[in-house]
Each structure stands twice: as C-alpha cells, then as structure tokens.
Full PDB file with SEQRES, HELIX, SHEET, SSBOND, CRYST1, ORIGX, SCALE, CONECT and MASTER records, all heavy atoms in Angstrom:
SEQRES   1 A   33  ILE ILE VAL LEU ASN GLY ARG TYR GLY THR GLY LYS THR          
SEQRES   2 A   33  VAL LEU SER THR PHE LEU GLY ARG VAL MET TYR ARG ARG          
SEQRES   3 A   33  LYS LYS ARG VAL LEU TYR SER                                  
HELIX    1 AA1 LYS A   12  ARG A   25  1                                  14    
CRYST1    1.000    1.000    1.000  90.00  90.00  90.00 P 1           1          
ORIGX1      1.000000  0.000000  0.000000        0.00000                         
ORIGX2      0.000000  1.000000  0.000000        0.00000                         
ORIGX3      0.000000  0.000000  1.000000        0.00000                         
SCALE1      1.000000  0.000000  0.000000        0.00000                         
SCALE2      0.000000  1.000000  0.000000        0.00000                         
SCALE3      0.000000  0.000000  1.000000        0.00000                         
ATOM      1  N   ILE A   1     -11.447  -2.896  -4.193  1.00  0.00           N  
ATOM      2  CA  ILE A   1     -10.378  -3.881  -4.314  1.00  0.00           C  
ATOM      3  C   ILE A   1      -9.394  -3.360  -5.343  1.00  0.00           C  
ATOM      4  O   ILE A   1      -9.755  -3.119  -6.499  1.00  0.00           O  
ATOM      5  CB  ILE A   1     -10.912  -5.256  -4.747  1.00  0.00           C  
ATOM      6  CG1 ILE A   1     -11.945  -5.764  -3.740  1.00  0.00           C  
ATOM      7  CG2 ILE A   1      -9.766  -6.258  -4.877  1.00  0.00           C  
ATOM      8  CD1 ILE A   1     -12.672  -7.018  -4.202  1.00  0.00           C  
ATOM      9  N   ILE A   2      -8.152  -3.158  -4.927  1.00  0.00           N  
ATOM     10  CA  ILE A   2      -7.104  -2.648  -5.809  1.00  0.00           C  
ATOM     11  C   ILE A   2      -6.097  -3.759  -6.053  1.00  0.00           C  
ATOM     12  O   ILE A   2      -5.569  -4.339  -5.105  1.00  0.00           O  
ATOM     13  CB  ILE A   2      -6.399  -1.428  -5.189  1.00  0.00           C  
ATOM     14  CG1 ILE A   2      -7.400  -0.302  -4.950  1.00  0.00           C  
ATOM     15  CG2 ILE A   2      -5.254  -0.949  -6.069  1.00  0.00           C  
ATOM     16  CD1 ILE A   2      -6.850   0.836  -4.128  1.00  0.00           C  
ATOM     17  N   VAL A   3      -5.838  -4.071  -7.305  1.00  0.00           N  
ATOM     18  CA  VAL A   3      -4.853  -5.086  -7.655  1.00  0.00           C  
ATOM     19  C   VAL A   3      -3.659  -4.394  -8.312  1.00  0.00           C  
ATOM     20  O   VAL A   3      -3.806  -3.695  -9.321  1.00  0.00           O  
ATOM     21  CB  VAL A   3      -5.431  -6.142  -8.627  1.00  0.00           C  
ATOM     22  CG1 VAL A   3      -4.351  -7.163  -8.986  1.00  0.00           C  
ATOM     23  CG2 VAL A   3      -6.628  -6.831  -7.997  1.00  0.00           C  
ATOM     24  N   LEU A   4      -2.487  -4.554  -7.712  1.00  0.00           N  
ATOM     25  CA  LEU A   4      -1.240  -4.046  -8.285  1.00  0.00           C  
ATOM     26  C   LEU A   4      -0.511  -5.256  -8.858  1.00  0.00           C  
ATOM     27  O   LEU A   4      -0.016  -6.099  -8.117  1.00  0.00           O  
ATOM     28  CB  LEU A   4      -0.398  -3.358  -7.210  1.00  0.00           C  
ATOM     29  CG  LEU A   4      -1.074  -2.217  -6.442  1.00  0.00           C  
ATOM     30  CD1 LEU A   4      -0.156  -1.692  -5.347  1.00  0.00           C  
ATOM     31  CD2 LEU A   4      -1.473  -1.088  -7.381  1.00  0.00           C  
ATOM     32  N   ASN A   5      -0.469  -5.336 -10.166  1.00  0.00           N  
ATOM     33  CA  ASN A   5       0.080  -6.518 -10.823  1.00  0.00           C  
ATOM     34  C   ASN A   5       1.221  -6.120 -11.758  1.00  0.00           C  
ATOM     35  O   ASN A   5       1.157  -5.088 -12.419  1.00  0.00           O  
ATOM     36  CB  ASN A   5      -1.006  -7.233 -11.616  1.00  0.00           C  
ATOM     37  CG  ASN A   5      -0.501  -8.516 -12.236  1.00  0.00           C  
ATOM     38  OD1 ASN A   5      -0.066  -9.427 -11.525  1.00  0.00           O  
ATOM     39  ND2 ASN A   5      -0.537  -8.605 -13.558  1.00  0.00           N  
ATOM     40  N   GLY A   6       2.259  -6.924 -11.806  1.00  0.00           N  
ATOM     41  CA  GLY A   6       3.356  -6.628 -12.727  1.00  0.00           C  
ATOM     42  C   GLY A   6       4.672  -7.191 -12.258  1.00  0.00           C  
ATOM     43  O   GLY A   6       4.750  -7.902 -11.263  1.00  0.00           O  
ATOM     44  N   ARG A   7       5.703  -6.845 -13.001  1.00  0.00           N  
ATOM     45  CA  ARG A   7       7.030  -7.404 -12.766  1.00  0.00           C  
ATOM     46  C   ARG A   7       7.601  -6.982 -11.413  1.00  0.00           C  
ATOM     47  O   ARG A   7       7.133  -6.027 -10.789  1.00  0.00           O  
ATOM     48  CB  ARG A   7       7.971  -6.969 -13.889  1.00  0.00           C  
ATOM     49  CG  ARG A   7       8.242  -5.470 -13.888  1.00  0.00           C  
ATOM     50  CD  ARG A   7       9.162  -5.058 -15.034  1.00  0.00           C  
ATOM     51  NE  ARG A   7       8.485  -5.186 -16.324  1.00  0.00           N  
ATOM     52  CZ  ARG A   7       9.058  -4.880 -17.480  1.00  0.00           C  
ATOM     53  NH1 ARG A   7      10.304  -4.440 -17.495  1.00  0.00           N  
ATOM     54  NH2 ARG A   7       8.387  -4.994 -18.606  1.00  0.00           N  
ATOM     55  N   TYR A   8       8.636  -7.685 -11.004  1.00  0.00           N  
ATOM     56  CA  TYR A   8       9.317  -7.378  -9.738  1.00  0.00           C  
ATOM     57  C   TYR A   8      10.026  -6.021  -9.834  1.00  0.00           C  
ATOM     58  O   TYR A   8      10.507  -5.620 -10.893  1.00  0.00           O  
ATOM     59  CB  TYR A   8      10.353  -8.452  -9.414  1.00  0.00           C  
ATOM     60  CG  TYR A   8       9.767  -9.801  -9.051  1.00  0.00           C  
ATOM     61  CD1 TYR A   8       9.675 -10.812  -9.998  1.00  0.00           C  
ATOM     62  CD2 TYR A   8       9.321 -10.055  -7.751  1.00  0.00           C  
ATOM     63  CE1 TYR A   8       9.151 -12.058  -9.663  1.00  0.00           C  
ATOM     64  CE2 TYR A   8       8.796 -11.291  -7.407  1.00  0.00           C  
ATOM     65  CZ  TYR A   8       8.707 -12.292  -8.366  1.00  0.00           C  
ATOM     66  OH  TYR A   8       8.184 -13.514  -8.033  1.00  0.00           O  
ATOM     67  N   GLY A   9      10.083  -5.332  -8.699  1.00  0.00           N  
ATOM     68  CA  GLY A   9      10.905  -4.126  -8.603  1.00  0.00           C  
ATOM     69  C   GLY A   9      10.284  -2.854  -9.125  1.00  0.00           C  
ATOM     70  O   GLY A   9      10.964  -1.830  -9.221  1.00  0.00           O  
ATOM     71  N   THR A  10       8.996  -2.863  -9.439  1.00  0.00           N  
ATOM     72  CA  THR A  10       8.364  -1.667 -10.007  1.00  0.00           C  
ATOM     73  C   THR A  10       7.742  -0.757  -8.943  1.00  0.00           C  
ATOM     74  O   THR A  10       7.097   0.234  -9.282  1.00  0.00           O  
ATOM     75  CB  THR A  10       7.286  -2.062 -11.036  1.00  0.00           C  
ATOM     76  OG1 THR A  10       6.406  -3.023 -10.444  1.00  0.00           O  
ATOM     77  CG2 THR A  10       7.933  -2.655 -12.278  1.00  0.00           C  
ATOM     78  N   GLY A  11       7.900  -1.111  -7.681  1.00  0.00           N  
ATOM     79  CA  GLY A  11       7.420  -0.230  -6.612  1.00  0.00           C  
ATOM     80  C   GLY A  11       6.001  -0.510  -6.159  1.00  0.00           C  
ATOM     81  O   GLY A  11       5.350   0.373  -5.590  1.00  0.00           O  
ATOM     82  N   LYS A  12       5.509  -1.733  -6.364  1.00  0.00           N  
ATOM     83  CA  LYS A  12       4.139  -2.060  -5.961  1.00  0.00           C  
ATOM     84  C   LYS A  12       3.981  -2.038  -4.440  1.00  0.00           C  
ATOM     85  O   LYS A  12       3.002  -1.496  -3.916  1.00  0.00           O  
ATOM     86  CB  LYS A  12       3.750  -3.433  -6.517  1.00  0.00           C  
ATOM     87  CG  LYS A  12       3.784  -3.527  -8.040  1.00  0.00           C  
ATOM     88  CD  LYS A  12       3.278  -4.859  -8.555  1.00  0.00           C  
ATOM     89  CE  LYS A  12       4.150  -6.034  -8.130  1.00  0.00           C  
ATOM     90  NZ  LYS A  12       5.523  -5.971  -8.672  1.00  0.00           N  
ATOM     91  N   THR A  13       4.946  -2.634  -3.747  1.00  0.00           N  
ATOM     92  CA  THR A  13       4.874  -2.650  -2.281  1.00  0.00           C  
ATOM     93  C   THR A  13       5.033  -1.248  -1.708  1.00  0.00           C  
ATOM     94  O   THR A  13       4.369  -0.879  -0.738  1.00  0.00           O  
ATOM     95  CB  THR A  13       5.950  -3.590  -1.703  1.00  0.00           C  
ATOM     96  OG1 THR A  13       5.745  -4.915  -2.200  1.00  0.00           O  
ATOM     97  CG2 THR A  13       5.892  -3.619  -0.183  1.00  0.00           C  
ATOM     98  N   VAL A  14       5.908  -0.457  -2.320  1.00  0.00           N  
ATOM     99  CA  VAL A  14       6.092   0.925  -1.862  1.00  0.00           C  
ATOM    100  C   VAL A  14       4.804   1.718  -2.063  1.00  0.00           C  
ATOM    101  O   VAL A  14       4.392   2.505  -1.204  1.00  0.00           O  
ATOM    102  CB  VAL A  14       7.262   1.595  -2.613  1.00  0.00           C  
ATOM    103  CG1 VAL A  14       7.384   3.063  -2.216  1.00  0.00           C  
ATOM    104  CG2 VAL A  14       8.571   0.871  -2.310  1.00  0.00           C  
ATOM    105  N   LEU A  15       4.141   1.487  -3.202  1.00  0.00           N  
ATOM    106  CA  LEU A  15       2.895   2.192  -3.488  1.00  0.00           C  
ATOM    107  C   LEU A  15       1.827   1.841  -2.445  1.00  0.00           C  
ATOM    108  O   LEU A  15       1.138   2.728  -1.922  1.00  0.00           O  
ATOM    109  CB  LEU A  15       2.412   1.824  -4.895  1.00  0.00           C  
ATOM    110  CG  LEU A  15       1.303   2.696  -5.506  1.00  0.00           C  
ATOM    111  CD1 LEU A  15       1.390   2.659  -7.039  1.00  0.00           C  
ATOM    112  CD2 LEU A  15      -0.082   2.255  -5.066  1.00  0.00           C  
ATOM    113  N   SER A  16       1.716   0.559  -2.116  1.00  0.00           N  
ATOM    114  CA  SER A  16       0.724   0.155  -1.110  1.00  0.00           C  
ATOM    115  C   SER A  16       1.086   0.712   0.267  1.00  0.00           C  
ATOM    116  O   SER A  16       0.205   1.065   1.055  1.00  0.00           O  
ATOM    117  CB  SER A  16       0.616  -1.363  -1.055  1.00  0.00           C  
ATOM    118  OG  SER A  16       1.794  -1.949  -0.526  1.00  0.00           O  
ATOM    119  N   THR A  17       2.376   0.801   0.551  1.00  0.00           N  
ATOM    120  CA  THR A  17       2.824   1.367   1.830  1.00  0.00           C  
ATOM    121  C   THR A  17       2.502   2.852   1.902  1.00  0.00           C  
ATOM    122  O   THR A  17       2.130   3.375   2.964  1.00  0.00           O  
ATOM    123  CB  THR A  17       4.330   1.136   2.011  1.00  0.00           C  
ATOM    124  OG1 THR A  17       4.604  -0.272   1.969  1.00  0.00           O  
ATOM    125  CG2 THR A  17       4.822   1.693   3.335  1.00  0.00           C  
ATOM    126  N   PHE A  18       2.636   3.549   0.775  1.00  0.00           N  
ATOM    127  CA  PHE A  18       2.273   4.967   0.717  1.00  0.00           C  
ATOM    128  C   PHE A  18       0.798   5.142   1.082  1.00  0.00           C  
ATOM    129  O   PHE A  18       0.439   6.002   1.887  1.00  0.00           O  
ATOM    130  CB  PHE A  18       2.539   5.509  -0.687  1.00  0.00           C  
ATOM    131  CG  PHE A  18       2.501   7.009  -0.793  1.00  0.00           C  
ATOM    132  CD1 PHE A  18       3.674   7.744  -0.891  1.00  0.00           C  
ATOM    133  CD2 PHE A  18       1.290   7.692  -0.789  1.00  0.00           C  
ATOM    134  CE1 PHE A  18       3.628   9.130  -0.988  1.00  0.00           C  
ATOM    135  CE2 PHE A  18       1.243   9.066  -0.878  1.00  0.00           C  
ATOM    136  CZ  PHE A  18       2.420   9.796  -0.974  1.00  0.00           C  
ATOM    137  N   LEU A  19      -0.063   4.304   0.503  1.00  0.00           N  
ATOM    138  CA  LEU A  19      -1.494   4.389   0.805  1.00  0.00           C  
ATOM    139  C   LEU A  19      -1.763   3.998   2.256  1.00  0.00           C  
ATOM    140  O   LEU A  19      -2.644   4.577   2.903  1.00  0.00           O  
ATOM    141  CB  LEU A  19      -2.269   3.483  -0.141  1.00  0.00           C  
ATOM    142  CG  LEU A  19      -2.220   3.868  -1.624  1.00  0.00           C  
ATOM    143  CD1 LEU A  19      -2.954   2.842  -2.467  1.00  0.00           C  
ATOM    144  CD2 LEU A  19      -2.804   5.257  -1.848  1.00  0.00           C  
ATOM    145  N   GLY A  20      -0.997   3.032   2.769  1.00  0.00           N  
ATOM    146  CA  GLY A  20      -1.132   2.659   4.176  1.00  0.00           C  
ATOM    147  C   GLY A  20      -0.807   3.820   5.085  1.00  0.00           C  
ATOM    148  O   GLY A  20      -1.496   4.045   6.099  1.00  0.00           O  
ATOM    149  N   ARG A  21       0.232   4.560   4.736  1.00  0.00           N  
ATOM    150  CA  ARG A  21       0.599   5.730   5.544  1.00  0.00           C  
ATOM    151  C   ARG A  21      -0.493   6.795   5.501  1.00  0.00           C  
ATOM    152  O   ARG A  21      -0.795   7.440   6.514  1.00  0.00           O  
ATOM    153  CB  ARG A  21       1.929   6.308   5.069  1.00  0.00           C  
ATOM    154  CG  ARG A  21       2.425   7.461   5.938  1.00  0.00           C  
ATOM    155  CD  ARG A  21       3.787   7.943   5.504  1.00  0.00           C  
ATOM    156  NE  ARG A  21       3.762   8.589   4.201  1.00  0.00           N  
ATOM    157  CZ  ARG A  21       4.823   9.169   3.640  1.00  0.00           C  
ATOM    158  NH1 ARG A  21       5.989   9.160   4.266  1.00  0.00           N  
ATOM    159  NH2 ARG A  21       4.732   9.735   2.453  1.00  0.00           N  
ATOM    160  N   VAL A  22      -1.085   6.992   4.325  1.00  0.00           N  
ATOM    161  CA  VAL A  22      -2.166   7.967   4.195  1.00  0.00           C  
ATOM    162  C   VAL A  22      -3.312   7.616   5.136  1.00  0.00           C  
ATOM    163  O   VAL A  22      -3.828   8.470   5.870  1.00  0.00           O  
ATOM    164  CB  VAL A  22      -2.671   8.032   2.737  1.00  0.00           C  
ATOM    165  CG1 VAL A  22      -3.967   8.844   2.652  1.00  0.00           C  
ATOM    166  CG2 VAL A  22      -1.617   8.655   1.831  1.00  0.00           C  
ATOM    167  N   MET A  23      -3.709   6.353   5.130  1.00  0.00           N  
ATOM    168  CA  MET A  23      -4.823   5.934   5.987  1.00  0.00           C  
ATOM    169  C   MET A  23      -4.438   5.965   7.466  1.00  0.00           C  
ATOM    170  O   MET A  23      -5.257   6.292   8.323  1.00  0.00           O  
ATOM    171  CB  MET A  23      -5.272   4.527   5.587  1.00  0.00           C  
ATOM    172  CG  MET A  23      -5.936   4.474   4.225  1.00  0.00           C  
ATOM    173  SD  MET A  23      -7.377   5.578   4.152  1.00  0.00           S  
ATOM    174  CE  MET A  23      -7.770   5.505   2.410  1.00  0.00           C  
ATOM    175  N   TYR A  24      -3.199   5.629   7.760  1.00  0.00           N  
ATOM    176  CA  TYR A  24      -2.715   5.678   9.147  1.00  0.00           C  
ATOM    177  C   TYR A  24      -2.782   7.104   9.685  1.00  0.00           C  
ATOM    178  O   TYR A  24      -3.169   7.324  10.841  1.00  0.00           O  
ATOM    179  CB  TYR A  24      -1.286   5.150   9.200  1.00  0.00           C  
ATOM    180  CG  TYR A  24      -0.698   5.055  10.587  1.00  0.00           C  
ATOM    181  CD1 TYR A  24      -1.026   3.992  11.421  1.00  0.00           C  
ATOM    182  CD2 TYR A  24       0.190   6.020  11.056  1.00  0.00           C  
ATOM    183  CE1 TYR A  24      -0.480   3.894  12.695  1.00  0.00           C  
ATOM    184  CE2 TYR A  24       0.731   5.931  12.326  1.00  0.00           C  
ATOM    185  CZ  TYR A  24       0.394   4.869  13.141  1.00  0.00           C  
ATOM    186  OH  TYR A  24       0.938   4.790  14.403  1.00  0.00           O  
ATOM    187  N   ARG A  25      -2.432   8.057   8.847  1.00  0.00           N  
ATOM    188  CA  ARG A  25      -2.501   9.459   9.257  1.00  0.00           C  
ATOM    189  C   ARG A  25      -3.939   9.923   9.450  1.00  0.00           C  
ATOM    190  O   ARG A  25      -4.192  10.892  10.165  1.00  0.00           O  
ATOM    191  CB  ARG A  25      -1.791  10.335   8.227  1.00  0.00           C  
ATOM    192  CG  ARG A  25      -0.284  10.188   8.254  1.00  0.00           C  
ATOM    193  CD  ARG A  25       0.394  11.042   7.190  1.00  0.00           C  
ATOM    194  NE  ARG A  25       1.840  10.966   7.307  1.00  0.00           N  
ATOM    195  CZ  ARG A  25       2.689  11.580   6.482  1.00  0.00           C  
ATOM    196  NH1 ARG A  25       2.227  12.311   5.474  1.00  0.00           N  
ATOM    197  NH2 ARG A  25       3.993  11.465   6.660  1.00  0.00           N  
ATOM    198  N   ARG A  26      -4.867   9.219   8.807  1.00  0.00           N  
ATOM    199  CA  ARG A  26      -6.283   9.530   8.971  1.00  0.00           C  
ATOM    200  C   ARG A  26      -6.896   8.769  10.152  1.00  0.00           C  
ATOM    201  O   ARG A  26      -8.113   8.692  10.287  1.00  0.00           O  
ATOM    202  CB  ARG A  26      -7.055   9.199   7.689  1.00  0.00           C  
ATOM    203  CG  ARG A  26      -6.679  10.075   6.508  1.00  0.00           C  
ATOM    204  CD  ARG A  26      -7.579   9.801   5.329  1.00  0.00           C  
ATOM    205  NE  ARG A  26      -7.282  10.698   4.220  1.00  0.00           N  
ATOM    206  CZ  ARG A  26      -8.087  10.927   3.204  1.00  0.00           C  
ATOM    207  NH1 ARG A  26      -9.258  10.314   3.163  1.00  0.00           N  
ATOM    208  NH2 ARG A  26      -7.742  11.745   2.229  1.00  0.00           N  
ATOM    209  N   LYS A  27      -6.029   8.154  10.953  1.00  0.00           N  
ATOM    210  CA  LYS A  27      -6.458   7.413  12.151  1.00  0.00           C  
ATOM    211  C   LYS A  27      -7.236   6.150  11.806  1.00  0.00           C  
ATOM    212  O   LYS A  27      -8.061   5.675  12.595  1.00  0.00           O  
ATOM    213  CB  LYS A  27      -7.295   8.304  13.081  1.00  0.00           C  
ATOM    214  CG  LYS A  27      -6.677   9.653  13.404  1.00  0.00           C  
ATOM    215  CD  LYS A  27      -5.322   9.509  14.068  1.00  0.00           C  
ATOM    216  CE  LYS A  27      -4.724  10.871  14.410  1.00  0.00           C  
ATOM    217  NZ  LYS A  27      -3.352  10.770  14.967  1.00  0.00           N  
ATOM    218  N   LYS A  28      -6.974   5.584  10.612  1.00  0.00           N  
ATOM    219  CA  LYS A  28      -7.598   4.332  10.223  1.00  0.00           C  
ATOM    220  C   LYS A  28      -6.683   3.161  10.579  1.00  0.00           C  
ATOM    221  O   LYS A  28      -5.457   3.276  10.515  1.00  0.00           O  
ATOM    222  CB  LYS A  28      -7.870   4.317   8.712  1.00  0.00           C  
ATOM    223  CG  LYS A  28      -8.767   5.435   8.205  1.00  0.00           C  
ATOM    224  CD  LYS A  28     -10.203   5.214   8.595  1.00  0.00           C  
ATOM    225  CE  LYS A  28     -11.119   6.227   7.919  1.00  0.00           C  
ATOM    226  NZ  LYS A  28     -12.535   6.028   8.301  1.00  0.00           N  
ATOM    227  N   ARG A  29      -7.271   2.020  10.918  1.00  0.00           N  
ATOM    228  CA  ARG A  29      -6.483   0.819  11.191  1.00  0.00           C  
ATOM    229  C   ARG A  29      -5.989   0.233   9.872  1.00  0.00           C  
ATOM    230  O   ARG A  29      -6.757   0.118   8.911  1.00  0.00           O  
ATOM    231  CB  ARG A  29      -7.329  -0.212  11.943  1.00  0.00           C  
ATOM    232  CG  ARG A  29      -7.696   0.217  13.353  1.00  0.00           C  
ATOM    233  CD  ARG A  29      -8.533  -0.847  14.049  1.00  0.00           C  
ATOM    234  NE  ARG A  29      -7.767  -2.080  14.246  1.00  0.00           N  
ATOM    235  CZ  ARG A  29      -8.252  -3.158  14.848  1.00  0.00           C  
ATOM    236  NH1 ARG A  29      -9.511  -3.166  15.276  1.00  0.00           N  
ATOM    237  NH2 ARG A  29      -7.514  -4.235  15.021  1.00  0.00           N  
ATOM    238  N   VAL A  30      -4.722  -0.119   9.832  1.00  0.00           N  
ATOM    239  CA  VAL A  30      -4.128  -0.670   8.615  1.00  0.00           C  
ATOM    240  C   VAL A  30      -3.343  -1.931   8.968  1.00  0.00           C  
ATOM    241  O   VAL A  30      -2.891  -2.107  10.097  1.00  0.00           O  
ATOM    242  CB  VAL A  30      -3.209   0.359   7.920  1.00  0.00           C  
ATOM    243  CG1 VAL A  30      -3.998   1.571   7.446  1.00  0.00           C  
ATOM    244  CG2 VAL A  30      -2.073   0.802   8.851  1.00  0.00           C  
ATOM    245  N   LEU A  31      -3.182  -2.800   7.965  1.00  0.00           N  
ATOM    246  CA  LEU A  31      -2.416  -4.028   8.168  1.00  0.00           C  
ATOM    247  C   LEU A  31      -1.807  -4.456   6.843  1.00  0.00           C  
ATOM    248  O   LEU A  31      -2.474  -4.457   5.811  1.00  0.00           O  
ATOM    249  CB  LEU A  31      -3.300  -5.155   8.704  1.00  0.00           C  
ATOM    250  CG  LEU A  31      -2.616  -6.528   8.897  1.00  0.00           C  
ATOM    251  CD1 LEU A  31      -1.559  -6.442   9.992  1.00  0.00           C  
ATOM    252  CD2 LEU A  31      -3.651  -7.595   9.213  1.00  0.00           C  
ATOM    253  N   TYR A  32      -0.519  -4.820   6.888  1.00  0.00           N  
ATOM    254  CA  TYR A  32       0.184  -5.379   5.731  1.00  0.00           C  
ATOM    255  C   TYR A  32       0.568  -6.812   6.063  1.00  0.00           C  
ATOM    256  O   TYR A  32       1.045  -7.107   7.162  1.00  0.00           O  
ATOM    257  CB  TYR A  32       1.441  -4.564   5.425  1.00  0.00           C  
ATOM    258  CG  TYR A  32       2.359  -5.194   4.391  1.00  0.00           C  
ATOM    259  CD1 TYR A  32       2.308  -4.804   3.063  1.00  0.00           C  
ATOM    260  CD2 TYR A  32       3.272  -6.178   4.762  1.00  0.00           C  
ATOM    261  CE1 TYR A  32       3.145  -5.386   2.120  1.00  0.00           C  
ATOM    262  CE2 TYR A  32       4.109  -6.765   3.829  1.00  0.00           C  
ATOM    263  CZ  TYR A  32       4.045  -6.365   2.509  1.00  0.00           C  
ATOM    264  OH  TYR A  32       4.870  -6.951   1.582  1.00  0.00           O  
ATOM    265  N   SER A  33       0.354  -7.713   5.105  1.00  0.00           N  
ATOM    266  CA  SER A  33       0.696  -9.116   5.331  1.00  0.00           C  
ATOM    267  C   SER A  33       0.964  -9.782   3.987  1.00  0.00           C  
ATOM    268  O   SER A  33       0.445  -9.363   2.948  1.00  0.00           O  
ATOM    269  CB  SER A  33      -0.451  -9.834   6.050  1.00  0.00           C  
ATOM    270  OG  SER A  33      -0.195 -11.231   6.140  1.00  0.00           O  
TER     271      SER A  33                                                      
MASTER        0    0    0    1    0    0    0    6  270    1    0    3          
END                                                                             
C-alpha cells in the first residue's frame, strides 16, 4: 500500500500514472479512479 500525501500540484497523480505505465508495459491490469 503506497500513500502519496501532500499539497496540491506536487506531481502525485503523475507519479502514480508513471507506475501505472510501468505495470501496463509488464502486461499487468491497471486501473485509476
């Protein structure tokens, strides 16, 4: 369980999207909501 906590605009969503792309490239199922 990874918690990204902090102020707005620091790139938390981008960071999670980066990890989503990594797993997607590994043929893993991913979901953002």
